[in-house]
Each structure stands twice: as structure tokens, then as C-alpha cells.
Protein backbone atom coordinates (compact mmCIF):
# COMPACT_ATOMS: atom_id res chain seq x y z
CA MET A 1 -9.61 7.09 5.49
CA LYS A 2 -9.01 3.58 5.97
CA LEU A 3 -6.91 1.22 3.97
CA THR A 4 -7.83 -2.31 4.64
CA PHE A 5 -5.56 -5.04 3.79
CA GLU A 6 -7.44 -8.38 3.57
CA HIS A 7 -6.74 -11.62 1.98
CA GLY A 8 -4.63 -10.30 -0.75
CA LYS A 9 -7.20 -7.31 -1.60
CA LEU A 10 -6.77 -3.57 -0.76
CA TYR A 11 -9.81 -1.61 0.16
CA ILE A 12 -10.15 2.06 0.18
CA ASP A 13 -12.98 3.07 2.79
CA ASN A 14 -14.48 -0.17 2.58
CA VAL A 15 -14.60 -0.08 -1.49
CA ARG A 16 -12.08 -2.62 -3.28
CA PHE A 17 -9.14 -0.88 -4.84
CA CYS A 18 -6.62 -3.53 -6.06
CA HIS A 19 -4.76 -6.77 -5.28
CA TYR A 20 -1.63 -6.73 -3.20
CA GLU A 21 1.07 -9.06 -2.04
CA VAL A 22 3.82 -9.03 0.83
CA THR A 23 7.25 -9.35 -0.61
CA GLN A 24 10.16 -11.02 0.87
CA ASP A 25 11.56 -7.63 2.24
CA GLY A 26 8.14 -7.42 4.04
CA SER A 27 7.11 -9.53 7.00
CA LYS A 28 5.71 -12.86 5.43
CA ASP A 29 2.48 -12.57 7.54
CA LEU A 30 1.43 -9.02 8.44
CA GLN A 31 0.51 -8.61 11.90
CA PRO A 32 -3.14 -7.75 12.26
CA GLY A 33 -3.77 -4.10 13.67
CA SER A 34 -3.93 -0.29 12.81
CA TYR A 35 -0.69 1.43 11.39
CA PRO A 36 -0.68 5.22 10.45
CA VAL A 37 0.25 5.98 6.81
CA GLU A 38 1.79 8.66 4.88
CA ALA A 39 3.03 9.73 1.57
CA ARG A 40 6.83 9.65 1.95
CA TYR A 41 9.52 9.93 -0.14
CA ALA A 42 11.34 6.83 -0.93
CA HIS A 43 15.10 7.51 -1.47
CA ASN A 44 15.53 3.81 -2.62
CA PHE A 45 12.95 4.65 -5.37
CA GLY A 46 13.66 8.10 -6.21
CA ARG A 47 9.85 8.85 -5.66
CA VAL A 48 7.08 9.43 -3.26
CA LEU A 49 5.31 6.04 -2.07
CA PRO A 50 2.79 5.01 0.59
CA PHE A 51 4.51 4.38 3.67
CA ILE A 52 2.90 2.36 6.44
CA ASP A 53 4.60 2.77 9.62
CA GLY A 54 5.72 -0.46 11.24
CA ILE A 55 5.46 -2.30 7.81
CA GLY A 56 7.37 -0.04 5.10
CA PHE A 57 6.91 1.14 1.69
CA ALA A 58 3.94 -0.06 -0.82
CA GLY A 59 4.60 0.23 -4.34
CA ASP A 60 5.08 -1.16 -7.66
CA ASP A 61 8.74 -2.54 -7.01
CA ASP A 62 9.42 -5.82 -5.89
CA LEU A 63 11.87 -4.18 -3.14
CA CYS A 64 8.89 -2.57 -1.54
CA ALA A 65 7.34 -4.46 1.60
CA ILE A 66 3.93 -4.69 -0.12
CA VAL A 67 3.48 -4.55 -4.13
CA VAL A 68 -0.02 -3.48 -5.32
CA GLY A 69 -1.52 -4.54 -8.73
CA ARG A 70 -4.61 -5.10 -10.57
CA VAL A 71 -3.87 -8.27 -12.42
CA ARG A 72 -2.57 -11.84 -11.14
CA SER A 73 -0.50 -14.10 -13.46
CA GLN A 74 0.93 -17.43 -13.07
CA ARG A 75 3.90 -15.85 -11.52
CA GLY A 76 2.27 -13.60 -9.04
CA LEU A 77 0.91 -10.23 -9.02
CA LEU A 78 1.91 -7.71 -11.88
CA PRO A 79 2.87 -4.58 -10.21
CA ASP A 80 0.90 -1.41 -11.35
CA GLY A 81 2.36 1.89 -11.17
CA HIS A 82 -0.68 3.86 -12.07
CA LEU A 83 -2.50 2.25 -9.03
CA VAL A 84 0.58 3.54 -6.69
CA ARG A 85 0.27 7.16 -8.07
CA VAL A 86 -3.92 7.31 -7.58
CA LEU A 87 -3.10 5.77 -3.82
CA VAL A 88 -0.45 8.31 -3.39
CA ASP A 89 -3.01 11.22 -4.43
CA ALA A 90 -5.39 9.66 -1.93
CA ILE A 91 -3.18 9.97 0.75
CA GLU A 92 -1.76 13.53 0.09
CA ALA A 93 -5.31 14.59 -0.40
CA ALA A 94 -6.73 13.36 2.85
CA HIS A 95 -3.59 14.76 4.96
CA GLU A 96 -4.32 18.15 3.21
CA THR A 97 -7.63 18.05 4.79
CA ASP A 98 -6.20 16.87 8.19
CA VAL A 99 -7.86 13.38 7.73
CA GLN A 100 -5.84 10.48 9.42
CA VAL A 101 -5.03 7.48 7.16
CA LEU A 102 -4.84 4.12 8.56
CA ALA A 103 -3.74 1.06 7.42
CA GLU A 104 -6.03 -2.11 8.90
CA ILE A 105 -4.38 -5.18 8.63
CA VAL A 106 -7.19 -8.05 8.92
């Protein structure tokens, strides 16, 4: 399974999934390349979140390296916890069937 991060949009296997923003805790400019992804328990957040090796956690909290959401406002992206849960479920399902999950930063 491929998660493509391109110009503020996240795609799952080339299908648009949601918007994303890199937070202050993440690198301002994500380095292009491929990074392994897994669903990992995040002690700081008390739940399982997508973890992109070399980048950090993706989630609906401003303390994550990448925040995902569906709606943009004048203040920025509105985080969406439901999207995070759907993303975690997809990552876990891929790993259960031995499908490698990669984040492709474009």
C-alpha cells in the first residue's frame, strides 16, 4: 500500500484521501523519498497512530509531525480523528496480509 504525500494532499494507492499539514514538530519541508509506515502505539497520545519512519506520527493532534484533516479553514487544516482511525485500520489491514506500507513524499 502506498501513501503519497503531495502538495498538501494525501493519497492512498493513488486515490485522494484527505489533506495534510506538516506541524512545527515535523520538518518544515518533508524530504522526498519513500518511508516505511506502521500503526504504532504513541505513548504521548495514548493510542495507536500511523508512524512514518524518519518523519514521526501522523494524526489529528498538533503535536504530531503531520496532521490530517478534511476541511481547511482560515486558520489552517481542521484535524479529523475519524480519518486517522480509517488510516490506522487500513495500515493494520495491510500489515495483516503482509503488504508493505510505504509513504511516498513527492
